[in-house]
Amino acid sequence: MSEGTYFNGLEQGYWKYYQHNGRISQEGNFQNGKKEGLWNYYHANGKKLKFGAYKNHNPTGYWHYYNTNGTKQMEGSYVNGKKSNWWLFYDSNEKVNHRCQLKNNQKNGFCLMYTNEKLTSAVKFSNGKKIKEWTDLASFKKENNLNDLK
């Protein structure tokens, strides 16, 4: 079920969509039938699932994702509707367990793995394919420019 307004047969303005249990599943704005601006999505239990902005029906900018218990799951940027730049992924205690550079929804650059907030390993990718992996962080630091890895 949903509520909103149509104009010339297209969704326009603020819309709400509901789940079978009657709780809201998503809400946001349309412009000429395309999602535009901030949208919020919800799990069946009512807790937030994700939120972020759309431009011309494509996700854009920074998005946040949550588990059904409300804890952080991941967050990162969309460019032209695709995951890009650094994405952070969280463990059940909301601590970063890895972060990856993405481009066009693929790993492209470094993925850094953490245990108890300490860097434990790194992998370099190019267009989704693994190029190299380091478990010796001294060699990783020596071989790579860490300016953008802080």
N, C-alpha and C. Protein backbone atom coordinates (compact mmCIF):
# COMPACT_ATOMS: atom_id res chain seq x y z
N MET A 1 0.84 -1.17 0.00
CA MET A 1 0.00 0.00 0.00
C MET A 1 0.89 1.24 0.00
N SER A 2 0.38 2.29 -0.60
CA SER A 2 1.15 3.53 -0.65
C SER A 2 0.20 4.72 -0.62
N GLU A 3 0.77 5.85 -0.28
CA GLU A 3 0.00 7.09 -0.36
C GLU A 3 0.88 8.17 -0.95
N GLY A 4 0.31 8.91 -1.87
CA GLY A 4 1.02 9.98 -2.54
C GLY A 4 0.15 10.54 -3.65
N THR A 5 0.72 11.45 -4.40
CA THR A 5 -0.02 12.16 -5.44
C THR A 5 0.56 11.87 -6.82
N TYR A 6 -0.33 11.74 -7.77
CA TYR A 6 0.08 11.61 -9.17
C TYR A 6 -0.18 12.94 -9.87
N PHE A 7 0.70 13.27 -10.80
CA PHE A 7 0.49 14.43 -11.66
C PHE A 7 0.85 13.98 -13.07
N ASN A 8 -0.11 14.09 -13.98
CA ASN A 8 0.06 13.60 -15.36
C ASN A 8 0.49 12.13 -15.38
N GLY A 9 -0.08 11.34 -14.48
CA GLY A 9 0.18 9.91 -14.44
C GLY A 9 1.50 9.50 -13.78
N LEU A 10 2.23 10.45 -13.23
CA LEU A 10 3.52 10.17 -12.60
C LEU A 10 3.49 10.55 -11.13
N GLU A 11 4.21 9.78 -10.29
CA GLU A 11 4.32 10.14 -8.88
C GLU A 11 4.95 11.53 -8.77
N GLN A 12 4.39 12.31 -7.84
CA GLN A 12 4.88 13.66 -7.65
C GLN A 12 4.80 14.01 -6.17
N GLY A 13 5.85 14.63 -5.64
CA GLY A 13 5.85 15.05 -4.25
C GLY A 13 6.13 13.91 -3.28
N TYR A 14 5.70 14.12 -2.03
CA TYR A 14 6.00 13.18 -0.93
C TYR A 14 5.15 11.92 -1.03
N TRP A 15 5.80 10.75 -0.91
CA TRP A 15 5.14 9.44 -0.94
C TRP A 15 5.56 8.61 0.25
N LYS A 16 4.63 7.77 0.70
CA LYS A 16 4.89 6.78 1.74
C LYS A 16 4.44 5.43 1.23
N TYR A 17 5.26 4.40 1.52
CA TYR A 17 4.92 3.02 1.19
C TYR A 17 4.87 2.23 2.48
N TYR A 18 3.94 1.26 2.53
CA TYR A 18 3.74 0.50 3.75
C TYR A 18 3.99 -0.99 3.53
N GLN A 19 4.45 -1.64 4.59
CA GLN A 19 4.65 -3.08 4.58
C GLN A 19 3.33 -3.78 4.90
N HIS A 20 3.31 -5.10 4.76
CA HIS A 20 2.09 -5.87 5.04
C HIS A 20 1.66 -5.73 6.50
N ASN A 21 2.62 -5.48 7.40
CA ASN A 21 2.27 -5.34 8.82
C ASN A 21 1.77 -3.93 9.16
N GLY A 22 1.65 -3.06 8.16
CA GLY A 22 1.12 -1.71 8.36
C GLY A 22 2.19 -0.67 8.67
N ARG A 23 3.40 -1.11 8.93
CA ARG A 23 4.48 -0.15 9.20
C ARG A 23 5.01 0.41 7.89
N ILE A 24 5.56 1.59 8.00
CA ILE A 24 6.11 2.24 6.82
C ILE A 24 7.34 1.48 6.33
N SER A 25 7.47 1.32 5.02
CA SER A 25 8.63 0.65 4.45
C SER A 25 9.60 1.65 3.82
N GLN A 26 9.06 2.70 3.25
CA GLN A 26 9.90 3.74 2.67
C GLN A 26 9.12 5.03 2.51
N GLU A 27 9.87 6.13 2.49
CA GLU A 27 9.24 7.43 2.31
C GLU A 27 10.23 8.38 1.67
N GLY A 28 9.71 9.22 0.81
CA GLY A 28 10.54 10.20 0.14
C GLY A 28 9.77 10.92 -0.94
N ASN A 29 10.48 11.71 -1.70
CA ASN A 29 9.86 12.56 -2.73
C ASN A 29 10.12 12.05 -4.14
N PHE A 30 9.13 12.32 -4.97
CA PHE A 30 9.24 12.08 -6.40
C PHE A 30 9.17 13.41 -7.14
N GLN A 31 9.86 13.43 -8.25
CA GLN A 31 9.72 14.56 -9.17
C GLN A 31 9.55 13.96 -10.55
N ASN A 32 8.40 14.16 -11.14
CA ASN A 32 8.09 13.61 -12.46
C ASN A 32 8.29 12.10 -12.52
N GLY A 33 7.84 11.39 -11.47
CA GLY A 33 7.89 9.94 -11.45
C GLY A 33 9.24 9.35 -11.08
N LYS A 34 10.21 10.18 -10.71
CA LYS A 34 11.54 9.69 -10.34
C LYS A 34 11.86 10.12 -8.91
N LYS A 35 12.49 9.18 -8.16
CA LYS A 35 12.89 9.51 -6.80
C LYS A 35 13.87 10.67 -6.83
N GLU A 36 13.67 11.59 -5.89
CA GLU A 36 14.48 12.80 -5.84
C GLU A 36 14.61 13.25 -4.39
N GLY A 37 15.83 13.56 -3.98
CA GLY A 37 16.04 14.05 -2.61
C GLY A 37 16.14 12.90 -1.62
N LEU A 38 16.00 13.24 -0.34
CA LEU A 38 16.20 12.28 0.76
C LEU A 38 15.08 11.24 0.80
N TRP A 39 15.51 9.96 0.96
CA TRP A 39 14.60 8.83 1.13
C TRP A 39 15.01 8.05 2.35
N ASN A 40 14.03 7.56 3.09
CA ASN A 40 14.24 6.71 4.25
C ASN A 40 13.57 5.36 4.00
N TYR A 41 14.26 4.28 4.39
CA TYR A 41 13.74 2.92 4.26
C TYR A 41 13.77 2.27 5.63
N TYR A 42 12.80 1.35 5.88
CA TYR A 42 12.65 0.76 7.20
C TYR A 42 12.53 -0.75 7.13
N HIS A 43 13.09 -1.43 8.13
CA HIS A 43 12.90 -2.88 8.30
C HIS A 43 11.45 -3.14 8.74
N ALA A 44 11.02 -4.38 8.66
CA ALA A 44 9.66 -4.76 9.07
C ALA A 44 9.40 -4.44 10.55
N ASN A 45 10.47 -4.41 11.37
CA ASN A 45 10.29 -4.10 12.80
C ASN A 45 10.21 -2.60 13.07
N GLY A 46 10.29 -1.79 12.03
CA GLY A 46 10.17 -0.34 12.18
C GLY A 46 11.50 0.39 12.30
N LYS A 47 12.57 -0.35 12.52
CA LYS A 47 13.89 0.30 12.62
C LYS A 47 14.38 0.68 11.23
N LYS A 48 15.19 1.72 11.20
CA LYS A 48 15.70 2.23 9.93
C LYS A 48 16.57 1.18 9.25
N LEU A 49 16.36 0.99 7.96
CA LEU A 49 17.14 0.08 7.12
C LEU A 49 18.27 0.85 6.42
N LYS A 50 17.92 1.98 5.81
CA LYS A 50 18.91 2.80 5.11
C LYS A 50 18.31 4.17 4.84
N PHE A 51 19.21 5.12 4.59
CA PHE A 51 18.74 6.42 4.14
C PHE A 51 19.82 7.10 3.33
N GLY A 52 19.35 7.91 2.40
CA GLY A 52 20.24 8.66 1.53
C GLY A 52 19.42 9.40 0.50
N ALA A 53 20.12 10.05 -0.43
CA ALA A 53 19.46 10.90 -1.41
C ALA A 53 19.46 10.26 -2.80
N TYR A 54 18.48 10.68 -3.58
CA TYR A 54 18.39 10.31 -4.98
C TYR A 54 18.47 11.57 -5.83
N LYS A 55 19.03 11.40 -7.00
CA LYS A 55 18.99 12.44 -8.02
C LYS A 55 18.59 11.75 -9.31
N ASN A 56 17.46 12.16 -9.84
CA ASN A 56 16.95 11.57 -11.08
C ASN A 56 16.83 10.05 -10.97
N HIS A 57 16.33 9.58 -9.83
CA HIS A 57 16.02 8.17 -9.55
C HIS A 57 17.26 7.31 -9.28
N ASN A 58 18.44 7.92 -9.18
CA ASN A 58 19.67 7.20 -8.88
C ASN A 58 20.18 7.60 -7.50
N PRO A 59 20.64 6.61 -6.69
CA PRO A 59 21.23 6.99 -5.41
C PRO A 59 22.44 7.90 -5.65
N THR A 60 22.58 8.90 -4.79
CA THR A 60 23.68 9.83 -4.92
C THR A 60 24.15 10.28 -3.55
N GLY A 61 25.40 10.63 -3.44
CA GLY A 61 25.92 11.12 -2.17
C GLY A 61 26.09 10.01 -1.15
N TYR A 62 26.12 10.41 0.12
CA TYR A 62 26.46 9.49 1.21
C TYR A 62 25.21 8.77 1.72
N TRP A 63 25.28 7.44 1.84
CA TRP A 63 24.19 6.61 2.32
C TRP A 63 24.63 5.85 3.57
N HIS A 64 23.66 5.57 4.44
CA HIS A 64 23.87 4.81 5.67
C HIS A 64 22.94 3.60 5.65
N TYR A 65 23.46 2.43 6.06
CA TYR A 65 22.69 1.18 6.12
C TYR A 65 22.75 0.62 7.53
N TYR A 66 21.64 -0.01 7.97
CA TYR A 66 21.53 -0.52 9.33
C TYR A 66 21.01 -1.95 9.35
N ASN A 67 21.41 -2.70 10.35
CA ASN A 67 20.90 -4.06 10.59
C ASN A 67 19.51 -3.97 11.21
N THR A 68 18.81 -5.10 11.30
CA THR A 68 17.45 -5.11 11.85
C THR A 68 17.40 -4.69 13.31
N ASN A 69 18.53 -4.81 14.03
CA ASN A 69 18.55 -4.38 15.43
C ASN A 69 18.92 -2.91 15.58
N GLY A 70 19.13 -2.21 14.46
CA GLY A 70 19.40 -0.78 14.50
C GLY A 70 20.88 -0.41 14.49
N THR A 71 21.77 -1.41 14.54
CA THR A 71 23.20 -1.11 14.53
C THR A 71 23.67 -0.83 13.09
N LYS A 72 24.76 -0.09 12.99
CA LYS A 72 25.31 0.25 11.68
C LYS A 72 25.76 -1.01 10.96
N GLN A 73 25.49 -1.06 9.66
CA GLN A 73 25.93 -2.18 8.83
C GLN A 73 27.04 -1.71 7.88
N MET A 74 26.78 -0.61 7.15
CA MET A 74 27.77 -0.05 6.23
C MET A 74 27.36 1.36 5.86
N GLU A 75 28.31 2.08 5.28
CA GLU A 75 28.03 3.43 4.82
C GLU A 75 29.04 3.81 3.76
N GLY A 76 28.60 4.66 2.84
CA GLY A 76 29.49 5.10 1.79
C GLY A 76 28.77 5.92 0.75
N SER A 77 29.52 6.29 -0.29
CA SER A 77 29.02 7.22 -1.31
C SER A 77 28.60 6.54 -2.59
N TYR A 78 27.61 7.14 -3.20
CA TYR A 78 27.19 6.77 -4.55
C TYR A 78 27.55 7.91 -5.50
N VAL A 79 28.06 7.52 -6.66
CA VAL A 79 28.33 8.47 -7.75
C VAL A 79 27.66 7.89 -8.99
N ASN A 80 26.79 8.68 -9.61
CA ASN A 80 26.04 8.22 -10.80
C ASN A 80 25.30 6.91 -10.53
N GLY A 81 24.74 6.77 -9.32
CA GLY A 81 23.94 5.61 -8.97
C GLY A 81 24.72 4.37 -8.61
N LYS A 82 26.05 4.48 -8.51
CA LYS A 82 26.88 3.31 -8.20
C LYS A 82 27.77 3.59 -6.99
N LYS A 83 28.01 2.52 -6.21
CA LYS A 83 28.89 2.65 -5.04
C LYS A 83 30.28 3.06 -5.50
N SER A 84 30.81 4.10 -4.87
CA SER A 84 32.12 4.63 -5.24
C SER A 84 32.82 5.17 -4.00
N ASN A 85 34.12 5.34 -4.12
CA ASN A 85 34.97 5.89 -3.05
C ASN A 85 35.03 4.93 -1.87
N TRP A 86 35.37 5.43 -0.72
CA TRP A 86 35.52 4.57 0.47
C TRP A 86 34.17 4.17 1.04
N TRP A 87 34.00 2.88 1.31
CA TRP A 87 32.84 2.34 2.01
C TRP A 87 33.33 1.70 3.30
N LEU A 88 32.60 1.95 4.39
CA LEU A 88 32.93 1.39 5.69
C LEU A 88 31.93 0.28 6.01
N PHE A 89 32.43 -0.83 6.56
CA PHE A 89 31.60 -1.98 6.93
C PHE A 89 31.83 -2.26 8.40
N TYR A 90 30.74 -2.51 9.14
CA TYR A 90 30.80 -2.60 10.59
C TYR A 90 30.54 -4.01 11.10
N ASP A 91 31.12 -4.32 12.27
CA ASP A 91 30.82 -5.57 12.94
C ASP A 91 29.61 -5.36 13.85
N SER A 92 29.24 -6.37 14.61
CA SER A 92 28.04 -6.30 15.46
C SER A 92 28.18 -5.29 16.60
N ASN A 93 29.41 -4.87 16.89
CA ASN A 93 29.64 -3.85 17.94
C ASN A 93 29.79 -2.45 17.35
N GLU A 94 29.43 -2.31 16.07
CA GLU A 94 29.51 -1.04 15.34
C GLU A 94 30.94 -0.50 15.22
N LYS A 95 31.89 -1.41 15.20
CA LYS A 95 33.28 -1.04 14.95
C LYS A 95 33.60 -1.42 13.51
N VAL A 96 34.39 -0.58 12.84
CA VAL A 96 34.74 -0.86 11.45
C VAL A 96 35.55 -2.16 11.40
N ASN A 97 35.06 -3.16 10.62
CA ASN A 97 35.82 -4.39 10.46
C ASN A 97 36.52 -4.44 9.11
N HIS A 98 36.06 -3.64 8.16
CA HIS A 98 36.82 -3.41 6.93
C HIS A 98 36.28 -2.18 6.22
N ARG A 99 37.14 -1.64 5.40
CA ARG A 99 36.73 -0.53 4.55
C ARG A 99 37.39 -0.72 3.20
N CYS A 100 36.65 -0.39 2.16
CA CYS A 100 37.10 -0.65 0.81
C CYS A 100 36.87 0.55 -0.10
N GLN A 101 37.78 0.71 -1.04
CA GLN A 101 37.59 1.70 -2.10
C GLN A 101 36.80 1.02 -3.21
N LEU A 102 35.72 1.66 -3.63
CA LEU A 102 34.87 1.11 -4.68
C LEU A 102 34.75 2.09 -5.84
N LYS A 103 34.49 1.54 -6.99
CA LYS A 103 34.19 2.34 -8.18
C LYS A 103 33.23 1.53 -9.02
N ASN A 104 32.12 2.14 -9.40
CA ASN A 104 31.09 1.45 -10.20
C ASN A 104 30.67 0.12 -9.58
N ASN A 105 30.43 0.13 -8.27
CA ASN A 105 29.96 -1.03 -7.50
C ASN A 105 30.99 -2.15 -7.38
N GLN A 106 32.24 -1.90 -7.76
CA GLN A 106 33.28 -2.94 -7.65
C GLN A 106 34.41 -2.44 -6.76
N LYS A 107 35.09 -3.39 -6.12
CA LYS A 107 36.29 -3.05 -5.36
C LYS A 107 37.33 -2.56 -6.35
N ASN A 108 37.87 -1.39 -6.09
CA ASN A 108 38.85 -0.80 -6.99
C ASN A 108 39.78 0.07 -6.15
N GLY A 109 40.88 -0.48 -5.72
CA GLY A 109 41.79 0.18 -4.79
C GLY A 109 42.02 -0.76 -3.63
N PHE A 110 42.08 -0.19 -2.44
CA PHE A 110 42.41 -0.98 -1.26
C PHE A 110 41.17 -1.42 -0.48
N CYS A 111 41.26 -2.60 0.12
CA CYS A 111 40.35 -3.04 1.17
C CYS A 111 41.22 -3.29 2.39
N LEU A 112 40.87 -2.64 3.47
CA LEU A 112 41.63 -2.74 4.71
C LEU A 112 40.79 -3.47 5.74
N MET A 113 41.37 -4.53 6.36
CA MET A 113 40.66 -5.33 7.34
C MET A 113 41.16 -5.00 8.74
N TYR A 114 40.21 -4.93 9.68
CA TYR A 114 40.53 -4.55 11.05
C TYR A 114 40.01 -5.61 12.02
N THR A 115 40.73 -5.78 13.10
CA THR A 115 40.28 -6.57 14.24
C THR A 115 40.47 -5.70 15.47
N ASN A 116 39.39 -5.50 16.22
CA ASN A 116 39.42 -4.61 17.39
C ASN A 116 40.03 -3.25 17.05
N GLU A 117 39.60 -2.71 15.92
CA GLU A 117 40.01 -1.39 15.43
C GLU A 117 41.48 -1.30 15.04
N LYS A 118 42.14 -2.44 14.92
CA LYS A 118 43.55 -2.47 14.52
C LYS A 118 43.65 -3.07 13.13
N LEU A 119 44.38 -2.38 12.25
CA LEU A 119 44.58 -2.86 10.88
C LEU A 119 45.34 -4.19 10.92
N THR A 120 44.76 -5.22 10.30
CA THR A 120 45.37 -6.55 10.35
C THR A 120 45.81 -7.06 8.98
N SER A 121 45.16 -6.60 7.92
CA SER A 121 45.56 -7.01 6.58
C SER A 121 45.01 -6.03 5.55
N ALA A 122 45.53 -6.14 4.34
CA ALA A 122 45.10 -5.26 3.26
C ALA A 122 45.12 -6.03 1.95
N VAL A 123 44.22 -5.66 1.06
CA VAL A 123 44.14 -6.27 -0.26
C VAL A 123 43.97 -5.15 -1.26
N LYS A 124 44.66 -5.27 -2.39
CA LYS A 124 44.49 -4.29 -3.46
C LYS A 124 43.71 -4.92 -4.59
N PHE A 125 42.72 -4.19 -5.11
CA PHE A 125 41.86 -4.64 -6.20
C PHE A 125 41.94 -3.68 -7.38
N SER A 126 41.70 -4.23 -8.55
CA SER A 126 41.52 -3.42 -9.75
C SER A 126 40.30 -3.95 -10.47
N ASN A 127 39.29 -3.10 -10.60
CA ASN A 127 38.04 -3.49 -11.26
C ASN A 127 37.48 -4.81 -10.74
N GLY A 128 37.49 -4.98 -9.41
CA GLY A 128 36.90 -6.15 -8.78
C GLY A 128 37.81 -7.36 -8.69
N LYS A 129 39.01 -7.29 -9.26
CA LYS A 129 39.94 -8.43 -9.23
C LYS A 129 41.07 -8.17 -8.25
N LYS A 130 41.34 -9.18 -7.43
CA LYS A 130 42.41 -9.07 -6.43
C LYS A 130 43.76 -9.03 -7.14
N ILE A 131 44.58 -8.03 -6.76
CA ILE A 131 45.91 -7.89 -7.34
C ILE A 131 46.98 -8.37 -6.36
N LYS A 132 46.83 -7.96 -5.10
CA LYS A 132 47.84 -8.30 -4.11
C LYS A 132 47.22 -8.26 -2.72
N GLU A 133 47.76 -9.09 -1.83
CA GLU A 133 47.30 -9.11 -0.44
C GLU A 133 48.50 -9.01 0.49
N TRP A 134 48.33 -8.24 1.56
CA TRP A 134 49.37 -8.08 2.57
C TRP A 134 48.83 -8.52 3.93
N THR A 135 49.58 -9.33 4.62
CA THR A 135 49.30 -9.61 6.03
C THR A 135 50.44 -9.06 6.88
N ASP A 136 51.56 -8.72 6.23
CA ASP A 136 52.68 -8.05 6.88
C ASP A 136 52.50 -6.55 6.66
N LEU A 137 52.05 -5.86 7.68
CA LEU A 137 51.71 -4.45 7.52
C LEU A 137 52.92 -3.57 7.30
N ALA A 138 54.08 -3.96 7.74
CA ALA A 138 55.29 -3.18 7.50
C ALA A 138 55.55 -3.11 5.99
N SER A 139 55.45 -4.25 5.30
CA SER A 139 55.67 -4.23 3.84
C SER A 139 54.54 -3.48 3.13
N PHE A 140 53.32 -3.60 3.64
CA PHE A 140 52.21 -2.86 3.05
C PHE A 140 52.47 -1.36 3.13
N LYS A 141 52.86 -0.88 4.30
CA LYS A 141 53.12 0.56 4.49
C LYS A 141 54.29 1.02 3.64
N LYS A 142 55.30 0.17 3.51
CA LYS A 142 56.49 0.52 2.74
C LYS A 142 56.18 0.62 1.25
N GLU A 143 55.30 -0.26 0.75
CA GLU A 143 55.01 -0.32 -0.69
C GLU A 143 53.95 0.67 -1.16
N ASN A 144 53.20 1.26 -0.24
CA ASN A 144 52.05 2.07 -0.65
C ASN A 144 52.08 3.46 -0.05
N ASN A 145 51.51 4.38 -0.80
CA ASN A 145 51.34 5.75 -0.32
C ASN A 145 50.12 5.76 0.59
N LEU A 146 50.30 6.07 1.86
CA LEU A 146 49.22 5.98 2.83
C LEU A 146 48.48 7.29 3.04
N ASN A 147 48.72 8.30 2.23
CA ASN A 147 48.05 9.59 2.44
C ASN A 147 46.54 9.48 2.47
N ASP A 148 45.96 8.66 1.60
CA ASP A 148 44.50 8.55 1.57
C ASP A 148 43.98 7.36 2.37
N LEU A 149 44.83 6.73 3.16
CA LEU A 149 44.41 5.56 3.93
C LEU A 149 44.30 5.85 5.43
N LYS A 150 44.35 7.09 5.81
CA LYS A 150 44.31 7.44 7.24
C LYS A 150 42.94 7.22 7.82
